[in-house]
Protein backbone atom coordinates (compact mmCIF):
# COMPACT_ATOMS: atom_id res chain seq x y z
CA MET A 1 95.17 139.82 68.78
CA THR A 2 99.10 138.88 68.05
CA LYS A 3 99.51 135.55 68.25
CA ARG A 4 102.32 133.89 70.97
CA ILE A 5 105.39 132.87 69.76
CA ILE A 6 106.50 129.10 71.42
CA PRO A 7 109.90 129.51 72.96
CA ALA A 8 112.40 126.87 71.68
CA SER A 9 112.96 125.97 75.09
CA GLU A 10 108.70 125.02 75.08
CA LEU A 11 108.62 123.34 72.15
CA ILE A 12 111.64 121.48 71.17
CA ILE A 13 112.14 120.57 67.70
CA ASN A 14 114.81 118.73 66.00
CA SER A 15 117.01 119.61 63.69
CA ASP A 16 115.10 117.47 61.11
CA GLY A 17 112.13 119.10 61.88
CA SER A 18 110.57 116.13 64.30
CA VAL A 19 109.20 116.89 67.81
CA PHE A 20 112.08 116.22 70.53
CA HIS A 21 110.87 112.68 72.54
CA LEU A 22 109.34 111.25 69.39
CA HIS A 23 111.14 112.23 66.71
CA ILE A 24 108.39 112.45 64.56
CA LYS A 25 107.15 114.93 62.38
CA PRO A 26 103.78 116.59 61.85
CA GLU A 27 103.03 114.66 58.77
CA GLN A 28 103.64 111.26 59.82
CA LEU A 29 101.20 111.72 61.98
CA ALA A 30 97.47 110.00 61.51
CA ASP A 31 94.39 111.16 63.27
CA LYS A 32 93.56 107.70 64.58
CA VAL A 33 96.48 107.23 67.35
CA PHE A 34 96.99 103.70 68.94
CA LEU A 35 98.67 103.80 72.05
CA VAL A 36 100.93 100.90 73.99
CA GLY A 37 103.33 101.21 76.89
CA ASP A 38 105.94 98.20 75.62
CA PRO A 39 107.89 99.34 72.38
CA ALA A 40 107.72 95.45 71.56
CA ARG A 41 104.25 95.91 70.66
CA VAL A 42 104.28 98.56 68.52
CA ASP A 43 105.65 95.44 65.73
CA MET A 44 102.97 93.36 67.15
CA VAL A 45 99.95 95.72 65.74
CA ALA A 46 101.68 97.20 62.46
CA LYS A 47 102.37 93.81 61.37
CA ARG A 48 97.99 93.93 60.72
CA PHE A 49 99.04 96.91 58.64
CA ASP A 50 98.46 96.84 54.99
CA SER A 51 100.90 98.99 54.45
CA ILE A 52 103.72 101.45 56.35
CA GLU A 53 104.49 104.87 56.08
CA CYS A 54 107.26 105.34 58.68
CA ASN A 55 108.87 103.30 61.49
CA VAL A 56 110.83 105.72 63.81
CA SER A 57 112.04 104.83 66.96
CA SER A 58 113.53 107.18 70.10
CA ARG A 59 114.38 105.97 73.64
CA GLU A 60 110.97 104.01 74.79
CA PHE A 61 108.79 106.01 71.91
CA HIS A 62 108.63 103.55 69.13
CA THR A 63 105.86 104.74 66.22
CA ILE A 64 104.94 103.41 63.21
CA THR A 65 101.85 105.01 60.87
CA GLY A 66 100.47 102.99 58.23
CA THR A 67 97.07 101.88 56.59
CA TYR A 68 94.59 99.17 58.04
CA LYS A 69 91.32 98.50 56.10
CA GLY A 70 92.01 101.74 54.43
CA LYS A 71 92.04 103.85 58.01
CA ARG A 72 95.52 105.63 58.21
CA ILE A 73 96.41 104.78 61.85
CA THR A 74 99.68 106.16 63.71
CA VAL A 75 100.76 102.84 66.52
CA LEU A 76 102.76 104.29 69.21
CA SER A 77 104.73 103.34 72.49
CA HIS A 78 104.34 105.52 75.37
CA GLY A 79 106.95 103.56 77.88
CA ILE A 80 105.62 103.19 81.79
CA GLY A 81 103.89 105.90 83.69
CA THR A 82 101.33 109.16 83.56
CA ASP A 83 105.20 111.25 83.36
CA ASN A 84 105.37 109.81 79.66
CA ILE A 85 101.54 110.28 78.92
CA ASP A 86 101.96 114.09 79.79
CA ILE A 87 105.09 113.95 77.14
CA VAL A 88 103.66 111.94 74.59
CA LEU A 89 100.10 113.99 74.59
CA ASN A 90 101.68 117.29 74.71
CA GLU A 91 103.73 116.27 71.72
CA LEU A 92 100.87 114.75 69.50
CA ASP A 93 99.14 117.75 70.38
CA ALA A 94 101.60 119.94 69.22
CA LEU A 95 102.56 118.05 65.70
CA ALA A 96 98.56 118.32 65.03
CA ASN A 97 97.79 121.78 66.09
CA ILE A 98 101.16 123.79 66.03
CA ASP A 99 102.88 125.38 63.09
CA PHE A 100 106.37 124.15 63.44
CA GLN A 101 107.69 126.98 61.06
CA THR A 102 105.80 129.92 62.69
CA ARG A 103 105.92 128.47 66.66
CA GLU A 104 102.10 129.10 66.56
CA VAL A 105 98.99 127.58 67.28
CA LYS A 106 97.28 127.34 64.28
CA ASP A 107 94.15 128.55 63.75
CA SER A 108 92.45 125.44 62.98
CA PHE A 109 91.74 122.19 65.08
CA ARG A 110 92.99 119.17 64.44
CA GLN A 111 91.34 116.10 66.70
CA LEU A 112 92.76 113.31 67.30
CA THR A 113 91.28 109.80 68.28
CA LEU A 114 93.49 108.53 70.75
CA VAL A 115 93.41 105.05 72.40
CA ARG A 116 95.20 103.02 74.59
CA VAL A 117 95.39 99.34 75.05
CA GLY A 118 97.44 97.97 77.61
CA THR A 119 97.32 95.41 80.41
CA SER A 120 96.05 95.54 83.87
CA GLY A 121 94.99 94.47 87.44
CA GLY A 122 91.29 93.46 88.05
CA LEU A 123 90.38 94.47 91.69
CA GLN A 124 86.80 93.06 91.51
CA ASP A 125 85.16 89.20 90.79
CA ASN A 126 84.12 90.54 88.01
CA THR A 127 87.28 91.77 86.72
CA THR A 128 88.83 88.26 86.12
CA ILE A 129 91.88 87.62 84.43
CA GLY A 130 91.10 87.59 80.55
CA THR A 131 88.62 90.62 80.87
CA TYR A 132 88.33 93.37 79.16
CA VAL A 133 87.90 96.41 80.55
CA ALA A 134 87.82 100.11 79.42
CA ALA A 135 88.17 103.54 81.46
CA SER A 136 85.03 104.92 81.40
CA LYS A 137 86.25 106.55 84.53
CA SER A 138 90.06 107.24 85.81
CA ILE A 139 91.11 107.80 89.24
CA GLY A 140 94.64 109.77 89.00
CA PHE A 141 96.75 109.09 91.81
CA ASP A 142 99.61 110.95 89.91
CA GLY A 143 99.00 114.26 90.42
CA VAL A 144 99.96 115.47 86.69
CA MET A 145 96.35 117.26 85.70
CA TYR A 146 97.16 119.75 88.92
CA PHE A 147 100.31 121.57 86.94
CA TYR A 148 97.48 122.24 84.44
CA GLY A 149 94.54 125.11 84.57
CA ASN A 150 91.03 124.81 84.47
CA THR A 151 91.02 121.23 85.49
CA GLU A 152 87.48 121.94 87.43
CA GLN A 153 85.96 121.54 83.51
CA ILE A 154 87.16 117.99 83.70
CA ARG A 155 86.96 116.42 86.81
CA ASP A 156 84.50 114.81 88.84
CA LEU A 157 84.48 116.57 92.33
CA ALA A 158 81.79 114.79 93.53
CA PHE A 159 83.28 111.78 93.11
CA GLU A 160 86.56 112.72 94.44
CA LYS A 161 85.18 114.00 97.63
CA GLU A 162 83.37 110.55 98.03
CA LEU A 163 86.86 108.40 97.28
CA LEU A 164 88.48 110.82 100.03
CA ARG A 165 85.80 109.90 102.45
CA GLN A 166 85.10 105.96 101.75
CA LEU A 167 88.92 105.62 101.41
CA ASP A 168 89.44 107.61 104.74
CA TRP A 169 92.62 109.03 102.85
CA GLN A 170 95.71 109.39 104.60
CA LEU A 171 98.49 110.04 102.04
CA ASP A 172 99.63 113.62 102.78
CA GLY A 173 100.86 115.65 99.87
CA LEU A 174 98.91 113.38 97.05
CA LYS A 175 95.16 113.80 96.46
CA PRO A 176 93.56 111.67 93.53
CA TYR A 177 91.62 113.30 90.57
CA VAL A 178 88.89 111.89 88.70
CA VAL A 179 88.41 112.27 85.12
CA SER A 180 86.49 110.90 82.26
CA SER A 181 86.93 109.10 78.86
CA ASP A 182 85.47 110.51 75.62
CA GLU A 183 81.85 109.12 75.76
CA GLY A 184 81.59 108.85 72.28
CA LEU A 185 84.45 107.13 72.07
CA VAL A 186 83.92 104.15 74.85
CA ASP A 187 80.73 103.54 72.32
CA GLN A 188 82.43 103.13 69.44
CA ILE A 189 85.61 100.98 71.13
CA CYS A 190 83.02 98.88 73.57
CA GLN A 191 80.36 96.81 73.07
CA ASP A 192 79.11 94.03 75.05
CA ASP A 193 82.84 92.00 75.14
CA VAL A 194 83.95 94.84 76.94
CA LEU A 195 83.15 96.13 80.71
CA ARG A 196 82.84 99.74 81.26
CA GLY A 197 84.85 100.42 84.55
CA VAL A 198 86.42 103.05 86.72
CA THR A 199 90.35 102.60 86.51
CA ILE A 200 93.07 103.64 89.31
CA ALA A 201 96.27 105.11 87.70
CA ALA A 202 98.65 104.68 90.07
CA ASN A 203 101.93 106.20 89.85
CA GLY A 204 104.15 103.07 90.48
CA PHE A 205 103.56 99.54 89.93
CA TYR A 206 104.89 98.03 93.71
CA GLY A 207 103.80 100.53 96.99
CA PRO A 208 101.45 102.58 94.80
CA GLN A 209 99.27 99.60 93.79
CA GLY A 210 98.86 98.02 97.61
CA ARG A 211 102.07 95.34 96.44
CA LYS A 212 104.28 94.72 99.53
CA LEU A 213 107.62 93.10 99.24
CA ARG A 214 110.05 94.82 102.20
CA ILE A 215 109.15 98.21 102.77
CA GLU A 216 105.87 98.71 105.05
CA LEU A 217 103.11 100.40 103.00
CA LYS A 218 101.96 103.99 104.56
CA ASP A 219 97.87 102.37 104.21
CA SER A 220 98.11 98.61 104.02
CA GLU A 221 94.54 98.44 103.96
CA LEU A 222 93.86 101.06 100.94
CA ASN A 223 93.46 97.91 98.56
CA LYS A 224 90.52 97.06 100.57
CA LYS A 225 88.76 100.09 100.75
CA ILE A 226 89.23 100.80 96.91
CA GLN A 227 87.61 97.30 96.20
CA ALA A 228 85.03 98.08 98.60
CA PHE A 229 84.30 101.21 97.29
CA ASP A 230 80.98 102.24 95.88
CA TYR A 231 79.70 105.02 94.82
CA ASP A 232 76.05 105.48 92.87
CA GLY A 233 76.83 102.02 91.73
CA LYS A 234 80.35 102.51 90.59
CA ARG A 235 82.62 99.93 91.77
CA ILE A 236 86.66 100.68 91.19
CA THR A 237 87.56 98.20 88.59
CA ASN A 238 91.48 97.83 88.01
CA PHE A 239 94.83 99.30 88.47
CA GLU A 240 97.08 100.37 85.67
CA MET A 241 99.56 103.57 85.02
CA GLU A 242 98.51 105.92 82.32
CA SER A 243 94.81 105.97 82.20
CA SER A 244 93.83 109.12 84.38
CA SER A 245 96.50 111.59 82.42
CA LEU A 246 95.53 110.40 78.89
CA ALA A 247 91.73 110.95 79.62
CA GLY A 248 92.82 114.15 81.43
CA LEU A 249 94.99 116.14 79.08
CA ALA A 250 93.03 114.73 75.92
CA ALA A 251 89.45 116.05 77.46
CA LEU A 252 91.45 119.72 77.98
CA MET A 253 93.07 119.88 74.25
CA GLY A 254 90.46 119.03 73.02
CA HIS A 255 90.91 114.98 71.83
CA ARG A 256 88.95 111.90 72.29
CA GLY A 257 91.05 109.37 74.40
CA MET A 258 90.32 106.48 76.35
CA THR A 259 91.88 103.18 77.79
CA VAL A 260 91.20 99.34 77.85
CA CYS A 261 92.98 96.91 79.29
CA CYS A 262 93.32 93.34 79.29
CA ILE A 263 93.21 91.69 83.34
CA ILE A 264 96.33 89.54 83.27
CA ALA A 265 96.15 89.67 87.36
CA GLY A 266 93.39 88.87 89.88
CA ARG A 267 94.46 91.05 93.05
CA LYS A 268 91.73 89.70 95.20
CA ASN A 269 92.53 86.17 94.79
CA GLU A 270 96.49 86.69 94.15
CA LYS A 271 96.68 85.15 91.22
CA MET A 272 98.65 86.16 87.98
CA ASN A 273 98.69 85.09 84.04
CA THR A 274 102.10 86.18 82.72
CA ASP A 275 100.99 84.01 79.21
CA TYR A 276 98.68 86.65 77.75
CA LYS A 277 100.05 87.17 73.98
CA SER A 278 97.05 85.80 72.66
CA SER A 279 93.98 87.28 74.77
CA LEU A 280 95.95 90.82 74.17
CA GLU A 281 96.31 90.22 70.21
CA ASN A 282 92.56 89.62 70.41
CA LEU A 283 92.12 93.18 71.96
CA ILE A 284 94.15 94.58 69.83
CA ASP A 285 92.28 93.31 66.14
CA MET A 286 89.25 94.57 68.37
CA VAL A 287 90.34 98.01 68.65
CA LEU A 288 92.24 98.01 64.99
CA ASP A 289 88.58 97.17 63.97
CA ARG A 290 86.60 99.87 65.64
CA ILE A 291 88.91 102.93 65.82
């Protein structure tokens, strides 16, 4: 069978041989990838490395590859939102599994381990400020996965149906989807110190997460319904903005992907901790040791 040659307009390779947005080259990518939203957090993670191979910045994408306790790790910032995750996951997969010289998919598959560490807002009494929550399941309010084929294979369709029913879904033109993180990776990262939860990845920080400033919300009761949701004992634990497309795209591509967050806001008690650096630092250490 003749292999497809991927056009230059679909896989954009810079003149130096790096991939378009991330500006890193295939040989600069480790199999273990530590993802963060804020570019400044890349340095926070990499300061723990024993050695550094490369340090590349492009837009909101900052990448450092190095070694930590004998493990080769790439730490990369993705910015905010599932649209950025779409860029990052596709370009990471291309770096691993497409030959940049021939523009053909490689014969042998290279699997990546992708762990995103972020911050989040807790929705339940057991997701108080300072709690670590892993997104065992992610609910996507973003729509990214619907642009790809065969998503029924990796989505939890029964969960989606119950979600629409219990939330009395009122947002026309937007249908949430549900995907699971890699189960083996969740077991690897999570011990008794990390809660395994159900995370909503919202496509915005304000209205999509039920925050009201000056504009009225379409469904002002949505967060209350989210907090009351219960499906086979599974409760929705927290809001963030990237976990669904990470878990979904990783599963479609054959990679191991998950998100674990530090809770910095209590949405039920309306509390916020802006001084969360030490808690995040502890989570970084935990993930680096377990990845």
